[in-house]
Amino acid sequence: MDKKHFAFTRDNYRLMLIGLAIIILGFTLTALDSEPHGFGFLGLTLGPILTLGGFLFQFYAIFYTKKTDA
C-alpha cells in the first residue's frame, strides 16, 4: 500500500490558524478606531502592523518543517 503524503502537517495547520487569528485581530483593531475615517493610532499604526505580522506569520506557517535528528 502506498501512503498518501499531504503537503502540510497538523503543526502547519495549527500555525496557519494562529496566523489567521492575528490577521483578523489586526483588521478588527483597525475597524475599532474611534477617530474619523480611522486616522487614529489603532487605524494607522497598530492595526496594520498587526495585520502585516499575521501575514508574515502565515509565510512562516507554510514553510515550517519539523526538525528531525539524523
N, C-alpha and C. Protein backbone atom coordinates (compact mmCIF):
# COMPACT_ATOMS: atom_id res chain seq x y z
N MET A 1 0.84 -1.19 0.00
CA MET A 1 0.00 0.00 0.00
C MET A 1 0.87 1.24 0.00
N ASP A 2 0.47 2.20 -0.78
CA ASP A 2 1.19 3.46 -0.87
C ASP A 2 0.53 4.48 0.03
N LYS A 3 1.31 5.04 0.94
CA LYS A 3 0.77 6.06 1.84
C LYS A 3 0.63 7.37 1.10
N LYS A 4 -0.46 8.07 1.36
CA LYS A 4 -0.64 9.39 0.79
C LYS A 4 0.10 10.40 1.64
N HIS A 5 0.82 11.28 1.00
CA HIS A 5 1.55 12.32 1.70
C HIS A 5 0.89 13.66 1.44
N PHE A 6 0.59 14.35 2.51
CA PHE A 6 -0.03 15.66 2.41
C PHE A 6 1.05 16.72 2.41
N ALA A 7 0.72 17.86 1.83
CA ALA A 7 1.70 18.94 1.75
C ALA A 7 1.97 19.55 3.12
N PHE A 8 0.95 19.59 3.98
CA PHE A 8 1.09 20.22 5.29
C PHE A 8 0.81 19.21 6.39
N THR A 9 1.46 19.44 7.53
CA THR A 9 1.22 18.59 8.69
C THR A 9 0.23 19.28 9.62
N ARG A 10 -0.10 18.60 10.69
CA ARG A 10 -1.01 19.18 11.68
C ARG A 10 -0.43 20.45 12.29
N ASP A 11 0.89 20.47 12.48
CA ASP A 11 1.54 21.67 13.02
C ASP A 11 1.39 22.86 12.08
N ASN A 12 1.52 22.60 10.77
CA ASN A 12 1.35 23.68 9.80
C ASN A 12 -0.05 24.28 9.89
N TYR A 13 -1.05 23.43 9.95
CA TYR A 13 -2.44 23.93 10.02
C TYR A 13 -2.69 24.68 11.31
N ARG A 14 -2.11 24.21 12.40
CA ARG A 14 -2.27 24.91 13.68
C ARG A 14 -1.64 26.30 13.62
N LEU A 15 -0.45 26.39 13.05
CA LEU A 15 0.21 27.69 12.91
C LEU A 15 -0.56 28.61 11.96
N MET A 16 -1.15 28.03 10.91
CA MET A 16 -1.94 28.84 9.97
C MET A 16 -3.18 29.41 10.65
N LEU A 17 -3.80 28.64 11.52
CA LEU A 17 -4.96 29.15 12.25
C LEU A 17 -4.56 30.28 13.20
N ILE A 18 -3.40 30.16 13.82
CA ILE A 18 -2.91 31.24 14.68
C ILE A 18 -2.66 32.49 13.85
N GLY A 19 -2.04 32.33 12.68
CA GLY A 19 -1.81 33.47 11.80
C GLY A 19 -3.10 34.11 11.33
N LEU A 20 -4.10 33.31 11.04
CA LEU A 20 -5.39 33.84 10.63
C LEU A 20 -6.04 34.64 11.76
N ALA A 21 -5.90 34.15 12.99
CA ALA A 21 -6.44 34.87 14.14
C ALA A 21 -5.72 36.22 14.32
N ILE A 22 -4.42 36.25 14.08
CA ILE A 22 -3.67 37.51 14.18
C ILE A 22 -4.14 38.50 13.11
N ILE A 23 -4.37 38.01 11.90
CA ILE A 23 -4.85 38.88 10.82
C ILE A 23 -6.23 39.44 11.15
N ILE A 24 -7.12 38.59 11.63
CA ILE A 24 -8.47 39.05 12.00
C ILE A 24 -8.40 40.07 13.13
N LEU A 25 -7.52 39.84 14.10
CA LEU A 25 -7.35 40.79 15.19
C LEU A 25 -6.85 42.14 14.66
N GLY A 26 -5.93 42.11 13.72
CA GLY A 26 -5.42 43.35 13.14
C GLY A 26 -6.49 44.13 12.41
N PHE A 27 -7.30 43.45 11.61
CA PHE A 27 -8.39 44.13 10.90
C PHE A 27 -9.44 44.65 11.89
N THR A 28 -9.70 43.90 12.94
CA THR A 28 -10.67 44.33 13.94
C THR A 28 -10.18 45.58 14.67
N LEU A 29 -8.91 45.61 15.03
CA LEU A 29 -8.37 46.80 15.68
C LEU A 29 -8.41 48.01 14.76
N THR A 30 -8.17 47.79 13.48
CA THR A 30 -8.26 48.89 12.52
C THR A 30 -9.68 49.42 12.45
N ALA A 31 -10.65 48.54 12.47
CA ALA A 31 -12.05 48.96 12.36
C ALA A 31 -12.56 49.60 13.65
N LEU A 32 -11.95 49.29 14.79
CA LEU A 32 -12.42 49.81 16.07
C LEU A 32 -11.89 51.21 16.39
N ASP A 33 -11.10 51.78 15.51
CA ASP A 33 -10.53 53.10 15.76
C ASP A 33 -11.64 54.13 15.88
N SER A 34 -11.59 54.94 16.93
CA SER A 34 -12.68 55.90 17.20
C SER A 34 -12.50 57.22 16.45
N GLU A 35 -11.32 57.46 15.90
CA GLU A 35 -11.10 58.69 15.14
C GLU A 35 -11.86 58.63 13.81
N PRO A 36 -12.24 59.79 13.27
CA PRO A 36 -12.95 59.77 11.99
C PRO A 36 -12.07 59.20 10.87
N HIS A 37 -12.66 58.35 10.06
CA HIS A 37 -12.01 57.71 8.91
C HIS A 37 -10.82 56.84 9.31
N GLY A 38 -10.74 56.45 10.56
CA GLY A 38 -9.68 55.56 11.01
C GLY A 38 -8.31 56.19 11.07
N PHE A 39 -8.24 57.51 11.32
CA PHE A 39 -6.96 58.21 11.33
C PHE A 39 -6.31 58.27 12.71
N GLY A 40 -6.68 57.40 13.61
CA GLY A 40 -6.09 57.37 14.95
C GLY A 40 -4.97 56.35 15.02
N PHE A 41 -4.50 56.10 16.24
CA PHE A 41 -3.40 55.17 16.47
C PHE A 41 -3.76 53.75 16.05
N LEU A 42 -4.97 53.31 16.37
CA LEU A 42 -5.37 51.95 16.03
C LEU A 42 -5.49 51.76 14.52
N GLY A 43 -6.06 52.74 13.83
CA GLY A 43 -6.31 52.61 12.40
C GLY A 43 -5.08 52.79 11.53
N LEU A 44 -4.13 53.59 11.99
CA LEU A 44 -2.96 53.87 11.16
C LEU A 44 -1.69 53.14 11.59
N THR A 45 -1.62 52.71 12.83
CA THR A 45 -0.37 52.13 13.31
C THR A 45 -0.53 50.69 13.79
N LEU A 46 -1.27 50.50 14.86
CA LEU A 46 -1.32 49.19 15.50
C LEU A 46 -2.01 48.13 14.64
N GLY A 47 -3.16 48.47 14.08
CA GLY A 47 -3.90 47.50 13.26
C GLY A 47 -3.12 47.03 12.05
N PRO A 48 -2.59 47.95 11.22
CA PRO A 48 -1.82 47.50 10.05
C PRO A 48 -0.55 46.73 10.40
N ILE A 49 0.14 47.12 11.47
CA ILE A 49 1.34 46.38 11.87
C ILE A 49 0.98 44.97 12.30
N LEU A 50 -0.10 44.82 13.04
CA LEU A 50 -0.55 43.50 13.48
C LEU A 50 -1.00 42.66 12.28
N THR A 51 -1.68 43.28 11.34
CA THR A 51 -2.12 42.56 10.14
C THR A 51 -0.93 42.09 9.32
N LEU A 52 0.04 42.96 9.12
CA LEU A 52 1.25 42.57 8.39
C LEU A 52 1.99 41.45 9.11
N GLY A 53 2.06 41.56 10.43
CA GLY A 53 2.69 40.49 11.20
C GLY A 53 1.96 39.16 11.04
N GLY A 54 0.64 39.21 10.94
CA GLY A 54 -0.13 37.98 10.71
C GLY A 54 0.16 37.36 9.36
N PHE A 55 0.30 38.21 8.33
CA PHE A 55 0.63 37.68 7.01
C PHE A 55 2.04 37.10 6.98
N LEU A 56 2.98 37.74 7.64
CA LEU A 56 4.34 37.20 7.72
C LEU A 56 4.35 35.89 8.50
N PHE A 57 3.53 35.80 9.54
CA PHE A 57 3.41 34.56 10.30
C PHE A 57 2.83 33.45 9.43
N GLN A 58 1.93 33.80 8.51
CA GLN A 58 1.38 32.81 7.59
C GLN A 58 2.47 32.22 6.69
N PHE A 59 3.38 33.07 6.21
CA PHE A 59 4.50 32.56 5.42
C PHE A 59 5.34 31.59 6.24
N TYR A 60 5.59 31.94 7.49
CA TYR A 60 6.34 31.04 8.37
C TYR A 60 5.59 29.71 8.54
N ALA A 61 4.27 29.79 8.72
CA ALA A 61 3.48 28.58 8.92
C ALA A 61 3.50 27.68 7.70
N ILE A 62 3.51 28.27 6.51
CA ILE A 62 3.53 27.46 5.28
C ILE A 62 4.86 26.75 5.12
N PHE A 63 5.95 27.43 5.41
CA PHE A 63 7.27 26.86 5.19
C PHE A 63 7.83 26.10 6.39
N TYR A 64 7.07 26.00 7.47
CA TYR A 64 7.54 25.32 8.67
C TYR A 64 7.66 23.82 8.43
N THR A 65 8.82 23.29 8.81
CA THR A 65 9.02 21.84 8.80
C THR A 65 9.64 21.45 10.14
N LYS A 66 9.20 20.34 10.65
CA LYS A 66 9.70 19.86 11.94
C LYS A 66 11.11 19.32 11.75
N LYS A 67 12.00 19.74 12.61
CA LYS A 67 13.39 19.29 12.53
C LYS A 67 13.48 17.86 13.06
N THR A 68 14.16 17.01 12.32
CA THR A 68 14.37 15.63 12.75
C THR A 68 15.85 15.41 12.99
N ASP A 69 16.18 14.68 14.05
CA ASP A 69 17.58 14.37 14.34
C ASP A 69 18.00 13.20 13.47
N ALA A 70 19.08 13.40 12.73
CA ALA A 70 19.55 12.34 11.82
C ALA A 70 20.70 11.57 12.42
